[in-house]
Amino acid sequence: MKRRHGRHAGCGLVVLIGLALGAGSSSAADVTPRELRGACYCRAQRELMCTADLTARECEHRSTHAFCDEWFWKERLACWNWGYGG
């Protein structure tokens, strides 16, 4: 009977060590893909504004808080000033 208890304790110890070692590793499902950055355009009160270097999620969040009438995001592009000189 004592030997049986010892085996169970040994198996439990192996399982705990395995769980502890596995907790630090990350699998492919845990890794989030790198989000693309781009230009976030917001039209509010007939004025078009642009904020560069935002992800689509950041653009949507910012546009919601800025009460944009409409907004759009262009991946991998910088803001364009819509004219010359500025």
Protein backbone atom coordinates (compact mmCIF):
# COMPACT_ATOMS: atom_id res chain seq x y z
CA MET A 1 0.00 0.00 0.00
CA LYS A 2 2.84 2.41 0.82
CA ARG A 3 4.51 1.75 -2.52
CA ARG A 4 1.30 2.65 -4.31
CA HIS A 5 1.18 6.01 -2.56
CA GLY A 6 4.77 6.64 -3.57
CA ARG A 7 4.01 5.94 -7.22
CA HIS A 8 1.05 8.31 -7.23
CA ALA A 9 3.10 11.02 -5.59
CA GLY A 10 5.90 10.50 -8.12
CA CYS A 11 3.47 10.69 -11.06
CA GLY A 12 1.89 13.81 -9.60
CA LEU A 13 5.31 15.42 -9.24
CA VAL A 14 6.16 14.65 -12.88
CA VAL A 15 2.87 16.18 -14.02
CA LEU A 16 3.43 19.34 -11.95
CA ILE A 17 6.95 19.76 -13.34
CA GLY A 18 5.63 19.29 -16.88
CA LEU A 19 2.93 21.92 -16.31
CA ALA A 20 5.43 24.35 -14.84
CA LEU A 21 7.80 23.92 -17.78
CA GLY A 22 4.98 24.17 -20.31
CA ALA A 23 3.57 27.37 -18.80
CA GLY A 24 6.54 29.43 -19.97
CA SER A 25 6.46 28.27 -23.57
CA SER A 26 4.18 29.80 -26.16
CA SER A 27 2.49 27.97 -28.97
CA ALA A 28 1.70 29.31 -32.43
CA ALA A 29 -1.90 30.00 -31.35
CA ASP A 30 -0.72 32.24 -28.48
CA VAL A 31 1.38 34.51 -30.69
CA THR A 32 -0.58 37.41 -32.17
CA PRO A 33 0.39 38.48 -35.65
CA ARG A 34 2.08 41.85 -35.98
CA GLU A 35 -0.49 44.46 -36.91
CA LEU A 36 0.08 46.68 -39.91
CA ARG A 37 0.33 50.42 -39.41
CA GLY A 38 -0.94 53.07 -41.75
CA ALA A 39 -2.73 56.38 -42.14
CA CYS A 40 -5.96 57.06 -40.27
CA TYR A 41 -8.22 59.62 -41.97
CA CYS A 42 -11.10 61.25 -40.12
CA ARG A 43 -13.68 63.59 -41.65
CA ALA A 44 -15.40 65.75 -39.04
CA GLN A 45 -17.38 68.91 -39.78
CA ARG A 46 -16.29 68.76 -43.45
CA GLU A 47 -12.59 68.82 -42.49
CA LEU A 48 -10.34 65.88 -43.32
CA MET A 49 -7.63 65.11 -40.78
CA CYS A 50 -5.01 62.38 -40.85
CA THR A 51 -2.98 60.67 -38.14
CA ALA A 52 -0.06 58.55 -39.29
CA ASP A 53 1.36 55.28 -37.94
CA LEU A 54 -1.77 53.76 -36.40
CA THR A 55 -3.15 50.23 -36.61
CA ALA A 56 -6.68 49.74 -37.93
CA ARG A 57 -7.89 49.08 -34.38
CA GLU A 58 -6.24 52.26 -33.05
CA CYS A 59 -7.73 54.22 -35.96
CA GLU A 60 -11.23 52.98 -35.23
CA HIS A 61 -10.84 53.74 -31.52
CA ARG A 62 -9.52 57.25 -32.16
CA SER A 63 -12.23 57.98 -34.75
CA THR A 64 -14.96 56.91 -32.36
CA HIS A 65 -13.67 59.26 -29.66
CA ALA A 66 -13.17 62.12 -32.12
CA PHE A 67 -16.79 61.83 -33.34
CA CYS A 68 -15.72 61.46 -36.96
CA ASP A 69 -18.54 61.67 -39.50
CA GLU A 70 -16.62 59.10 -41.51
CA TRP A 71 -13.20 57.53 -41.21
CA PHE A 72 -10.98 55.20 -43.15
CA TRP A 73 -7.61 53.59 -42.72
CA LYS A 74 -4.99 53.01 -45.42
CA GLU A 75 -2.54 50.25 -44.52
CA ARG A 76 1.19 50.81 -44.97
CA LEU A 77 0.72 54.38 -46.21
CA ALA A 78 1.67 57.69 -44.67
CA CYS A 79 -0.72 60.63 -44.50
CA TRP A 80 -1.06 62.61 -47.68
CA ASN A 81 -1.48 66.37 -47.35
CA TRP A 82 -3.88 66.65 -50.32
CA GLY A 83 -1.92 69.42 -52.00
CA TYR A 84 1.36 71.19 -52.28
CA GLY A 85 3.33 72.84 -49.54
CA GLY A 86 1.94 71.48 -46.52
